[in-house]
Amino acid sequence: SRAVFFGRLIPAIRTLISIPAGLVCMPPLKFLLFTTL
């Protein structure tokens, strides 16, 4: 889950990190929390 938070700060990863989060079915609210922060 930390990858979603820190991934939002890294230009090369920022958009792509959403894909594996969706593929592994990370809970939507948890994803939204980490990506929002």
All heavy atoms as atom14 arrays in JSON, in Angstrom:
{
  "sequence": "SRAVFFGRLIPAIRTLISIPAGLVCMPPLKFLLFTTL",
  "atom14_mask": [
    [1, 1, 1, 1, 1, 1, 0, 0, 0, 0, 0, 0, 0, 0],
    [1, 1, 1, 1, 1, 1, 1, 1, 1, 1, 1, 0, 0, 0],
    [1, 1, 1, 1, 1, 0, 0, 0, 0, 0, 0, 0, 0, 0],
    [1, 1, 1, 1, 1, 1, 1, 0, 0, 0, 0, 0, 0, 0],
    [1, 1, 1, 1, 1, 1, 1, 1, 1, 1, 1, 0, 0, 0],
    [1, 1, 1, 1, 1, 1, 1, 1, 1, 1, 1, 0, 0, 0],
    [1, 1, 1, 1, 0, 0, 0, 0, 0, 0, 0, 0, 0, 0],
    [1, 1, 1, 1, 1, 1, 1, 1, 1, 1, 1, 0, 0, 0],
    [1, 1, 1, 1, 1, 1, 1, 1, 0, 0, 0, 0, 0, 0],
    [1, 1, 1, 1, 1, 1, 1, 1, 0, 0, 0, 0, 0, 0],
    [1, 1, 1, 1, 1, 1, 1, 0, 0, 0, 0, 0, 0, 0],
    [1, 1, 1, 1, 1, 0, 0, 0, 0, 0, 0, 0, 0, 0],
    [1, 1, 1, 1, 1, 1, 1, 1, 0, 0, 0, 0, 0, 0],
    [1, 1, 1, 1, 1, 1, 1, 1, 1, 1, 1, 0, 0, 0],
    [1, 1, 1, 1, 1, 1, 1, 0, 0, 0, 0, 0, 0, 0],
    [1, 1, 1, 1, 1, 1, 1, 1, 0, 0, 0, 0, 0, 0],
    [1, 1, 1, 1, 1, 1, 1, 1, 0, 0, 0, 0, 0, 0],
    [1, 1, 1, 1, 1, 1, 0, 0, 0, 0, 0, 0, 0, 0],
    [1, 1, 1, 1, 1, 1, 1, 1, 0, 0, 0, 0, 0, 0],
    [1, 1, 1, 1, 1, 1, 1, 0, 0, 0, 0, 0, 0, 0],
    [1, 1, 1, 1, 1, 0, 0, 0, 0, 0, 0, 0, 0, 0],
    [1, 1, 1, 1, 0, 0, 0, 0, 0, 0, 0, 0, 0, 0],
    [1, 1, 1, 1, 1, 1, 1, 1, 0, 0, 0, 0, 0, 0],
    [1, 1, 1, 1, 1, 1, 1, 0, 0, 0, 0, 0, 0, 0],
    [1, 1, 1, 1, 1, 1, 0, 0, 0, 0, 0, 0, 0, 0],
    [1, 1, 1, 1, 1, 1, 1, 1, 0, 0, 0, 0, 0, 0],
    [1, 1, 1, 1, 1, 1, 1, 0, 0, 0, 0, 0, 0, 0],
    [1, 1, 1, 1, 1, 1, 1, 0, 0, 0, 0, 0, 0, 0],
    [1, 1, 1, 1, 1, 1, 1, 1, 0, 0, 0, 0, 0, 0],
    [1, 1, 1, 1, 1, 1, 1, 1, 1, 0, 0, 0, 0, 0],
    [1, 1, 1, 1, 1, 1, 1, 1, 1, 1, 1, 0, 0, 0],
    [1, 1, 1, 1, 1, 1, 1, 1, 0, 0, 0, 0, 0, 0],
    [1, 1, 1, 1, 1, 1, 1, 1, 0, 0, 0, 0, 0, 0],
    [1, 1, 1, 1, 1, 1, 1, 1, 1, 1, 1, 0, 0, 0],
    [1, 1, 1, 1, 1, 1, 1, 0, 0, 0, 0, 0, 0, 0],
    [1, 1, 1, 1, 1, 1, 1, 0, 0, 0, 0, 0, 0, 0],
    [1, 1, 1, 1, 1, 1, 1, 1, 0, 0, 0, 0, 0, 0]
  ],
  "atom14_positions": [
    [[0.82, -1.22, 0.0], [0.0, 0.0, 0.0], [0.85, 1.26, 0.0], [0.45, 2.29, -0.55], [-0.92, 0.0, 1.22], [-1.76, -1.12, 1.2], [0.0, 0.0, 0.0], [0.0, 0.0, 0.0], [0.0, 0.0, 0.0], [0.0, 0.0, 0.0], [0.0, 0.0, 0.0], [0.0, 0.0, 0.0], [0.0, 0.0, 0.0], [0.0, 0.0, 0.0]],
    [[2.04, 1.19, 0.62], [2.92, 2.36, 0.66], [3.32, 2.79, -0.74], [3.62, 3.95, -0.99], [4.17, 2.06, 1.48], [3.91, 1.88, 2.97], [5.16, 1.43, 3.66], [5.61, 0.14, 3.15], [6.83, -0.37, 3.31], [7.74, 0.31, 3.98], [7.14, -1.55, 2.82], [0.0, 0.0, 0.0], [0.0, 0.0, 0.0], [0.0, 0.0, 0.0]],
    [[3.34, 1.82, -1.68], [3.73, 2.12, -3.06], [2.78, 3.13, -3.69], [3.19, 3.96, -4.5], [3.77, 0.85, -3.9], [0.0, 0.0, 0.0], [0.0, 0.0, 0.0], [0.0, 0.0, 0.0], [0.0, 0.0, 0.0], [0.0, 0.0, 0.0], [0.0, 0.0, 0.0], [0.0, 0.0, 0.0], [0.0, 0.0, 0.0], [0.0, 0.0, 0.0]],
    [[1.5, 3.08, -3.31], [0.52, 4.01, -3.86], [0.83, 5.42, -3.38], [0.83, 6.38, -4.17], [-0.91, 3.59, -3.48], [-1.92, 4.64, -3.95], [-1.25, 2.23, -4.07], [0.0, 0.0, 0.0], [0.0, 0.0, 0.0], [0.0, 0.0, 0.0], [0.0, 0.0, 0.0], [0.0, 0.0, 0.0], [0.0, 0.0, 0.0], [0.0, 0.0, 0.0]],
    [[1.12, 5.56, -2.08], [1.43, 6.89, -1.53], [2.72, 7.44, -2.13], [2.73, 8.54, -2.69], [1.55, 6.82, -0.01], [2.04, 8.09, 0.61], [1.17, 9.16, 0.81], [3.37, 8.26, 0.98], [1.62, 10.35, 1.37], [3.82, 9.44, 1.54], [2.94, 10.49, 1.73], [0.0, 0.0, 0.0], [0.0, 0.0, 0.0], [0.0, 0.0, 0.0]],
    [[3.81, 6.68, -2.01], [5.1, 7.17, -2.48], [5.16, 7.24, -4.01], [5.85, 8.1, -4.57], [6.24, 6.31, -1.94], [6.44, 6.47, -0.46], [6.11, 5.45, 0.42], [6.93, 7.65, 0.06], [6.28, 5.6, 1.79], [7.1, 7.83, 1.43], [6.77, 6.8, 2.29], [0.0, 0.0, 0.0], [0.0, 0.0, 0.0], [0.0, 0.0, 0.0]],
    [[4.41, 6.36, -4.67], [4.37, 6.39, -6.13], [3.81, 7.68, -6.68], [4.19, 8.13, -7.76], [0.0, 0.0, 0.0], [0.0, 0.0, 0.0], [0.0, 0.0, 0.0], [0.0, 0.0, 0.0], [0.0, 0.0, 0.0], [0.0, 0.0, 0.0], [0.0, 0.0, 0.0], [0.0, 0.0, 0.0], [0.0, 0.0, 0.0], [0.0, 0.0, 0.0]],
    [[2.92, 8.33, -5.93], [2.34, 9.58, -6.36], [3.36, 10.72, -6.37], [3.13, 11.77, -6.96], [1.17, 9.98, -5.45], [0.01, 9.02, -5.46], [-0.6, 8.86, -6.83], [-1.12, 10.12, -7.33], [-1.12, 10.48, -8.61], [-0.61, 9.69, -9.52], [-1.62, 11.63, -8.98], [0.0, 0.0, 0.0], [0.0, 0.0, 0.0], [0.0, 0.0, 0.0]],
    [[4.5, 10.5, -5.73], [5.54, 11.53, -5.65], [6.65, 11.33, -6.68], [7.56, 12.15, -6.78], [6.15, 11.55, -4.24], [5.15, 11.64, -3.08], [5.88, 11.52, -1.74], [4.37, 12.94, -3.15], [0.0, 0.0, 0.0], [0.0, 0.0, 0.0], [0.0, 0.0, 0.0], [0.0, 0.0, 0.0], [0.0, 0.0, 0.0], [0.0, 0.0, 0.0]],
    [[6.59, 10.23, -7.43], [7.66, 9.89, -8.38], [7.11, 9.98, -9.8], [6.21, 9.22, -10.17], [8.19, 8.46, -8.11], [8.69, 8.37, -6.66], [9.29, 8.1, -9.11], [9.03, 6.96, -6.23], [0.0, 0.0, 0.0], [0.0, 0.0, 0.0], [0.0, 0.0, 0.0], [0.0, 0.0, 0.0], [0.0, 0.0, 0.0], [0.0, 0.0, 0.0]],
    [[7.63, 10.94, -10.59], [7.07, 11.16, -11.93], [6.91, 9.92, -12.79], [5.87, 9.73, -13.42], [8.06, 12.15, -12.55], [8.58, 12.92, -11.38], [8.66, 11.92, -10.26], [0.0, 0.0, 0.0], [0.0, 0.0, 0.0], [0.0, 0.0, 0.0], [0.0, 0.0, 0.0], [0.0, 0.0, 0.0], [0.0, 0.0, 0.0], [0.0, 0.0, 0.0]],
    [[7.88, 9.03, -12.83], [7.8, 7.87, -13.71], [6.79, 6.84, -13.23], [6.29, 6.04, -14.01], [9.18, 7.22, -13.83], [0.0, 0.0, 0.0], [0.0, 0.0, 0.0], [0.0, 0.0, 0.0], [0.0, 0.0, 0.0], [0.0, 0.0, 0.0], [0.0, 0.0, 0.0], [0.0, 0.0, 0.0], [0.0, 0.0, 0.0], [0.0, 0.0, 0.0]],
    [[6.47, 6.86, -11.96], [5.59, 5.85, -11.36], [4.18, 6.39, -11.11], [3.23, 5.64, -11.01], [6.19, 5.38, -9.99], [7.57, 4.78, -10.19], [5.29, 4.41, -9.27], [7.58, 3.45, -10.88], [0.0, 0.0, 0.0], [0.0, 0.0, 0.0], [0.0, 0.0, 0.0], [0.0, 0.0, 0.0], [0.0, 0.0, 0.0], [0.0, 0.0, 0.0]],
    [[4.05, 7.71, -11.06], [2.85, 8.37, -10.55], [1.54, 7.82, -11.11], [0.61, 7.52, -10.38], [2.95, 9.88, -10.79], [1.97, 10.67, -10.01], [2.35, 12.12, -9.87], [2.58, 12.78, -11.12], [3.74, 13.36, -11.45], [4.76, 13.32, -10.63], [3.88, 13.96, -12.6], [0.0, 0.0, 0.0], [0.0, 0.0, 0.0], [0.0, 0.0, 0.0]],
    [[1.43, 7.69, -12.42], [0.21, 7.18, -13.03], [0.18, 5.66, -13.01], [-0.84, 5.05, -12.73], [0.08, 7.69, -14.47], [-0.02, 9.12, -14.45], [-1.15, 7.13, -15.15], [0.0, 0.0, 0.0], [0.0, 0.0, 0.0], [0.0, 0.0, 0.0], [0.0, 0.0, 0.0], [0.0, 0.0, 0.0], [0.0, 0.0, 0.0], [0.0, 0.0, 0.0]],
    [[1.32, 5.04, -13.29], [1.38, 3.58, -13.44], [1.04, 2.83, -12.16], [0.55, 1.71, -12.23], [2.78, 3.16, -13.92], [3.13, 3.51, -15.36], [4.58, 3.18, -15.63], [2.23, 2.76, -16.32], [0.0, 0.0, 0.0], [0.0, 0.0, 0.0], [0.0, 0.0, 0.0], [0.0, 0.0, 0.0], [0.0, 0.0, 0.0], [0.0, 0.0, 0.0]],
    [[1.29, 3.41, -11.0], [1.1, 2.68, -9.75], [-0.37, 2.31, -9.52], [-0.69, 1.37, -8.79], [1.67, 3.47, -8.54], [1.92, 2.54, -7.36], [0.76, 4.63, -8.17], [2.91, 1.43, -7.61], [0.0, 0.0, 0.0], [0.0, 0.0, 0.0], [0.0, 0.0, 0.0], [0.0, 0.0, 0.0], [0.0, 0.0, 0.0], [0.0, 0.0, 0.0]],
    [[-1.28, 3.03, -10.18], [-2.7, 2.71, -10.05], [-3.04, 1.37, -10.67], [-3.99, 0.7, -10.24], [-3.54, 3.79, -10.73], [-3.22, 5.05, -10.23], [0.0, 0.0, 0.0], [0.0, 0.0, 0.0], [0.0, 0.0, 0.0], [0.0, 0.0, 0.0], [0.0, 0.0, 0.0], [0.0, 0.0, 0.0], [0.0, 0.0, 0.0], [0.0, 0.0, 0.0]],
    [[-2.28, 0.98, -11.69], [-2.6, -0.25, -12.42], [-2.41, -1.5, -11.55], [-3.33, -2.29, -11.42], [-1.79, -0.32, -13.73], [-2.27, 0.81, -14.67], [-1.93, -1.68, -14.4], [-1.48, 0.97, -15.94], [0.0, 0.0, 0.0], [0.0, 0.0, 0.0], [0.0, 0.0, 0.0], [0.0, 0.0, 0.0], [0.0, 0.0, 0.0], [0.0, 0.0, 0.0]],
    [[-1.22, -1.71, -10.94], [-1.11, -2.9, -10.09], [-2.04, -2.86, -8.88], [-2.52, -3.9, -8.42], [0.35, -2.9, -9.66], [0.85, -1.53, -9.89], [0.04, -1.0, -11.04], [0.0, 0.0, 0.0], [0.0, 0.0, 0.0], [0.0, 0.0, 0.0], [0.0, 0.0, 0.0], [0.0, 0.0, 0.0], [0.0, 0.0, 0.0], [0.0, 0.0, 0.0]],
    [[-2.34, -1.66, -8.38], [-3.29, -1.55, -7.26], [-4.66, -2.07, -7.68], [-5.34, -2.77, -6.92], [-3.39, -0.11, -6.78], [0.0, 0.0, 0.0], [0.0, 0.0, 0.0], [0.0, 0.0, 0.0], [0.0, 0.0, 0.0], [0.0, 0.0, 0.0], [0.0, 0.0, 0.0], [0.0, 0.0, 0.0], [0.0, 0.0, 0.0], [0.0, 0.0, 0.0]],
    [[-5.05, -1.77, -8.91], [-6.32, -2.28, -9.43], [-6.26, -3.76, -9.75], [-7.21, -4.51, -9.5], [0.0, 0.0, 0.0], [0.0, 0.0, 0.0], [0.0, 0.0, 0.0], [0.0, 0.0, 0.0], [0.0, 0.0, 0.0], [0.0, 0.0, 0.0], [0.0, 0.0, 0.0], [0.0, 0.0, 0.0], [0.0, 0.0, 0.0], [0.0, 0.0, 0.0]],
    [[-5.13, -4.22, -10.28], [-4.98, -5.63, -10.65], [-5.07, -6.55, -9.44], [-5.62, -7.65, -9.53], [-3.66, -5.85, -11.39], [-3.55, -5.24, -12.78], [-2.16, -5.5, -13.37], [-4.63, -5.8, -13.72], [0.0, 0.0, 0.0], [0.0, 0.0, 0.0], [0.0, 0.0, 0.0], [0.0, 0.0, 0.0], [0.0, 0.0, 0.0], [0.0, 0.0, 0.0]],
    [[-4.5, -6.12, -8.31], [-4.55, -6.97, -7.11], [-5.8, -6.68, -6.28], [-5.97, -7.22, -5.19], [-3.28, -6.79, -6.23], [-2.03, -7.13, -7.01], [-3.2, -5.39, -5.65], [0.0, 0.0, 0.0], [0.0, 0.0, 0.0], [0.0, 0.0, 0.0], [0.0, 0.0, 0.0], [0.0, 0.0, 0.0], [0.0, 0.0, 0.0], [0.0, 0.0, 0.0]],
    [[-6.7, -5.86, -6.84], [-7.97, -5.52, -6.18], [-7.76, -4.93, -4.78], [-8.43, -5.33, -3.81], [-8.88, -6.75, -6.11], [-9.42, -7.32, -7.74], [0.0, 0.0, 0.0], [0.0, 0.0, 0.0], [0.0, 0.0, 0.0], [0.0, 0.0, 0.0], [0.0, 0.0, 0.0], [0.0, 0.0, 0.0], [0.0, 0.0, 0.0], [0.0, 0.0, 0.0]],
    [[-6.82, -3.99, -4.69], [-6.66, -3.24, -3.45], [-8.0, -2.6, -3.11], [-8.67, -2.07, -4.01], [-5.59, -2.16, -3.65], [-5.28, -1.33, -2.44], [-3.99, -0.08, -2.85], [-3.76, 0.69, -1.25], [0.0, 0.0, 0.0], [0.0, 0.0, 0.0], [0.0, 0.0, 0.0], [0.0, 0.0, 0.0], [0.0, 0.0, 0.0], [0.0, 0.0, 0.0]],
    [[-8.45, -2.65, -1.86], [-9.76, -2.06, -1.52], [-9.86, -0.61, -2.0], [-8.92, 0.18, -1.77], [-9.79, -2.15, 0.01], [-8.9, -3.3, 0.34], [-7.81, -3.26, -0.68], [0.0, 0.0, 0.0], [0.0, 0.0, 0.0], [0.0, 0.0, 0.0], [0.0, 0.0, 0.0], [0.0, 0.0, 0.0], [0.0, 0.0, 0.0], [0.0, 0.0, 0.0]],
    [[-10.95, -0.24, -2.65], [-11.07, 1.11, -3.23], [-10.85, 2.24, -2.23], [-10.18, 3.22, -2.54], [-12.5, 1.13, -3.79], [-12.86, -0.3, -4.0], [-12.13, -1.07, -2.96], [0.0, 0.0, 0.0], [0.0, 0.0, 0.0], [0.0, 0.0, 0.0], [0.0, 0.0, 0.0], [0.0, 0.0, 0.0], [0.0, 0.0, 0.0], [0.0, 0.0, 0.0]],
    [[-11.43, 2.12, -1.04], [-11.28, 3.19, -0.06], [-9.83, 3.31, 0.41], [-9.33, 4.43, 0.61], [-12.2, 2.95, 1.14], [-13.7, 3.12, 0.87], [-14.5, 2.81, 2.12], [-14.01, 4.52, 0.36], [0.0, 0.0, 0.0], [0.0, 0.0, 0.0], [0.0, 0.0, 0.0], [0.0, 0.0, 0.0], [0.0, 0.0, 0.0], [0.0, 0.0, 0.0]],
    [[-9.16, 2.2, 0.54], [-7.75, 2.23, 0.93], [-6.91, 2.86, -0.16], [-6.04, 3.69, 0.1], [-7.27, 0.8, 1.22], [-5.89, 0.72, 1.84], [-5.57, -0.73, 2.19], [-4.22, -0.81, 2.9], [-3.86, -2.22, 3.23], [0.0, 0.0, 0.0], [0.0, 0.0, 0.0], [0.0, 0.0, 0.0], [0.0, 0.0, 0.0], [0.0, 0.0, 0.0]],
    [[-7.2, 2.48, -1.42], [-6.49, 3.08, -2.55], [-6.72, 4.59, -2.58], [-5.78, 5.37, -2.74], [-6.94, 2.46, -3.87], [-6.38, 3.16, -5.07], [-5.08, 2.93, -5.49], [-7.14, 4.1, -5.77], [-4.55, 3.6, -6.58], [-6.62, 4.77, -6.86], [-5.32, 4.52, -7.27], [0.0, 0.0, 0.0], [0.0, 0.0, 0.0], [0.0, 0.0, 0.0]],
    [[-7.98, 5.0, -2.43], [-8.3, 6.43, -2.47], [-7.61, 7.19, -1.34], [-7.14, 8.32, -1.55], [-9.82, 6.63, -2.39], [-10.58, 6.36, -3.69], [-12.08, 6.39, -3.44], [-10.2, 7.36, -4.77], [0.0, 0.0, 0.0], [0.0, 0.0, 0.0], [0.0, 0.0, 0.0], [0.0, 0.0, 0.0], [0.0, 0.0, 0.0], [0.0, 0.0, 0.0]],
    [[-7.53, 6.58, -0.17], [-6.85, 7.24, 0.96], [-5.39, 7.49, 0.65], [-4.89, 8.61, 0.75], [-6.99, 6.39, 2.23], [-6.2, 6.9, 3.44], [-6.72, 8.27, 3.89], [-6.26, 5.89, 4.58], [0.0, 0.0, 0.0], [0.0, 0.0, 0.0], [0.0, 0.0, 0.0], [0.0, 0.0, 0.0], [0.0, 0.0, 0.0], [0.0, 0.0, 0.0]],
    [[-4.68, 6.43, 0.21], [-3.24, 6.56, -0.03], [-2.94, 7.45, -1.24], [-2.02, 8.25, -1.2], [-2.62, 5.17, -0.22], [-2.35, 4.45, 1.06], [-3.28, 3.58, 1.58], [-1.17, 4.66, 1.76], [-3.05, 2.91, 2.78], [-0.92, 4.01, 2.95], [-1.88, 3.13, 3.47], [0.0, 0.0, 0.0], [0.0, 0.0, 0.0], [0.0, 0.0, 0.0]],
    [[-3.74, 7.31, -2.3], [-3.47, 8.13, -3.49], [-3.83, 9.6, -3.23], [-3.17, 10.51, -3.75], [-4.2, 7.58, -4.73], [-3.58, 8.12, -5.91], [-5.67, 7.94, -4.75], [0.0, 0.0, 0.0], [0.0, 0.0, 0.0], [0.0, 0.0, 0.0], [0.0, 0.0, 0.0], [0.0, 0.0, 0.0], [0.0, 0.0, 0.0], [0.0, 0.0, 0.0]],
    [[-4.85, 9.84, -2.39], [-5.22, 11.22, -2.05], [-4.14, 11.88, -1.21], [-3.75, 13.03, -1.47], [-6.56, 11.26, -1.31], [-7.59, 10.73, -2.17], [-6.93, 12.69, -0.92], [0.0, 0.0, 0.0], [0.0, 0.0, 0.0], [0.0, 0.0, 0.0], [0.0, 0.0, 0.0], [0.0, 0.0, 0.0], [0.0, 0.0, 0.0], [0.0, 0.0, 0.0]],
    [[-3.61, 11.15, -0.23], [-2.55, 11.71, 0.61], [-1.3, 12.02, -0.22], [-0.69, 13.09, -0.08], [-2.21, 10.75, 1.75], [-3.3, 10.58, 2.82], [-2.91, 9.49, 3.8], [-3.57, 11.89, 3.53], [0.0, 0.0, 0.0], [0.0, 0.0, 0.0], [0.0, 0.0, 0.0], [0.0, 0.0, 0.0], [0.0, 0.0, 0.0], [0.0, 0.0, 0.0]]
  ]
}
